[in-house]
C-alpha atoms as a PDB file:
ATOM      1  CA  MET A   1      59.261  43.233 -19.543  1.00  0.00           C
ATOM      2  CA  VAL A   2      59.893  46.864 -18.672  1.00  0.00           C
ATOM      3  CA  ASP A   3      62.405  47.581 -15.927  1.00  0.00           C
ATOM      4  CA  LYS A   4      62.455  50.430 -13.418  1.00  0.00           C
ATOM      5  CA  LYS A   5      65.050  52.426 -15.372  1.00  0.00           C
ATOM      6  CA  GLU A   6      62.902  52.385 -18.510  1.00  0.00           C
ATOM      7  CA  ILE A   7      59.893  53.565 -16.531  1.00  0.00           C
ATOM      8  CA  SER A   8      61.972  56.309 -14.927  1.00  0.00           C
ATOM      9  CA  ASP A   9      63.286  57.408 -18.336  1.00  0.00           C
ATOM     10  CA  LEU A  10      59.749  57.545 -19.753  1.00  0.00           C
ATOM     11  CA  LYS A  11      58.567  59.673 -16.833  1.00  0.00           C
ATOM     12  CA  LYS A  12      61.492  62.081 -17.264  1.00  0.00           C
ATOM     13  CA  ARG A  13      60.833  62.360 -20.985  1.00  0.00           C
ATOM     14  CA  LYS A  14      57.131  63.070 -20.410  1.00  0.00           C
ATOM     15  CA  LYS A  15      57.992  65.704 -17.798  1.00  0.00           C
ATOM     16  CA  GLU A  16      60.473  67.336 -20.197  1.00  0.00           C
ATOM     17  CA  GLU A  17      57.841  67.331 -22.940  1.00  0.00           C
ATOM     18  CA  GLU A  18      55.283  68.996 -20.648  1.00  0.00           C
ATOM     19  CA  THR A  19      57.800  71.597 -19.469  1.00  0.00           C
ATOM     20  CA  LEU A  20      58.818  72.508 -23.024  1.00  0.00           C
ATOM     21  CA  LEU A  21      55.171  72.784 -24.053  1.00  0.00           C
ATOM     22  CA  GLU A  22      54.413  75.136 -21.168  1.00  0.00           C
ATOM     23  CA  MET A  23      57.500  77.219 -21.970  1.00  0.00           C
ATOM     24  CA  GLY A  24      56.369  77.487 -25.585  1.00  0.00           C
ATOM     25  CA  LYS A  25      52.926  78.680 -24.513  1.00  0.00           C
ATOM     26  CA  PHE A  26      54.471  81.136 -22.055  1.00  0.00           C
ATOM     27  CA  TYR A  27      56.708  82.647 -24.731  1.00  0.00           C
ATOM     28  CA  PHE A  28      53.781  82.869 -27.151  1.00  0.00           C
ATOM     29  CA  LEU A  29      51.581  84.675 -24.637  1.00  0.00           C
ATOM     30  CA  ASN A  30      54.408  87.123 -23.991  1.00  0.00           C
ATOM     31  CA  GLY A  31      54.971  87.891 -27.671  1.00  0.00           C
ATOM     32  CA  LYS A  32      58.282  86.038 -27.908  1.00  0.00           C
ATOM     33  CA  TYR A  33      57.397  84.113 -31.039  1.00  0.00           C
ATOM     34  CA  LYS A  34      60.885  82.968 -32.016  1.00  0.00           C
ATOM     35  CA  GLU A  35      61.417  81.432 -28.579  1.00  0.00           C
ATOM     36  CA  ALA A  36      57.931  79.899 -28.606  1.00  0.00           C
ATOM     37  CA  ILE A  37      58.598  78.214 -31.935  1.00  0.00           C
ATOM     38  CA  ALA A  38      61.932  76.844 -30.702  1.00  0.00           C
ATOM     39  CA  GLU A  39      60.376  75.297 -27.585  1.00  0.00           C
ATOM     40  CA  LEU A  40      57.366  73.877 -29.411  1.00  0.00           C
ATOM     41  CA  GLU A  41      59.570  72.340 -32.098  1.00  0.00           C
ATOM     42  CA  LYS A  42      61.507  70.578 -29.333  1.00  0.00           C
ATOM     43  CA  VAL A  43      58.223  69.069 -28.141  1.00  0.00           C
ATOM     44  CA  VAL A  44      57.429  67.820 -31.647  1.00  0.00           C
ATOM     45  CA  LYS A  45      60.899  66.308 -31.890  1.00  0.00           C
ATOM     46  CA  LEU A  46      60.398  64.471 -28.582  1.00  0.00           C
ATOM     47  CA  ASN A  47      56.871  63.377 -29.470  1.00  0.00           C
ATOM     48  CA  PRO A  48      55.724  63.780 -33.074  1.00  0.00           C
ATOM     49  CA  LYS A  49      52.197  62.762 -32.000  1.00  0.00           C
ATOM     50  CA  ASN A  50      51.753  65.687 -29.591  1.00  0.00           C
ATOM     51  CA  SER A  51      48.778  67.448 -31.179  1.00  0.00           C
ATOM     52  CA  GLU A  52      48.834  70.245 -28.605  1.00  0.00           C
ATOM     53  CA  ALA A  53      52.336  71.233 -29.725  1.00  0.00           C
ATOM     54  CA  TYR A  54      51.221  71.384 -33.367  1.00  0.00           C
ATOM     55  CA  TYR A  55      48.145  73.393 -32.402  1.00  0.00           C
ATOM     56  CA  ASN A  56      50.247  75.920 -30.504  1.00  0.00           C
ATOM     57  CA  LEU A  57      52.789  76.125 -33.326  1.00  0.00           C
ATOM     58  CA  GLY A  58      49.889  76.959 -35.626  1.00  0.00           C
ATOM     59  CA  LEU A  59      48.753  79.722 -33.290  1.00  0.00           C
ATOM     60  CA  VAL A  60      52.237  81.192 -33.159  1.00  0.00           C
ATOM     61  CA  TYR A  61      52.682  81.144 -36.938  1.00  0.00           C
ATOM     62  CA  GLU A  62      49.200  82.592 -37.486  1.00  0.00           C
ATOM     63  CA  THR A  63      49.811  85.408 -35.005  1.00  0.00           C
ATOM     64  CA  LYS A  64      53.340  86.067 -36.225  1.00  0.00           C
ATOM     65  CA  GLY A  65      52.165  86.202 -39.834  1.00  0.00           C
END
């Protein structure tokens, strides 16, 4: 059985993941590729199954060259 603390921790982790993903996209759109990569790699570390993070990392690396 899952308790309230575990649910709260999962929600916080998901929120952190979403925030990092948005920061990565923001940095990418503003040409700050190094920062974008750092944020997106944090997302992958939190959730290795986050396909959107991998997609955005690919965009950054492709654009950066």
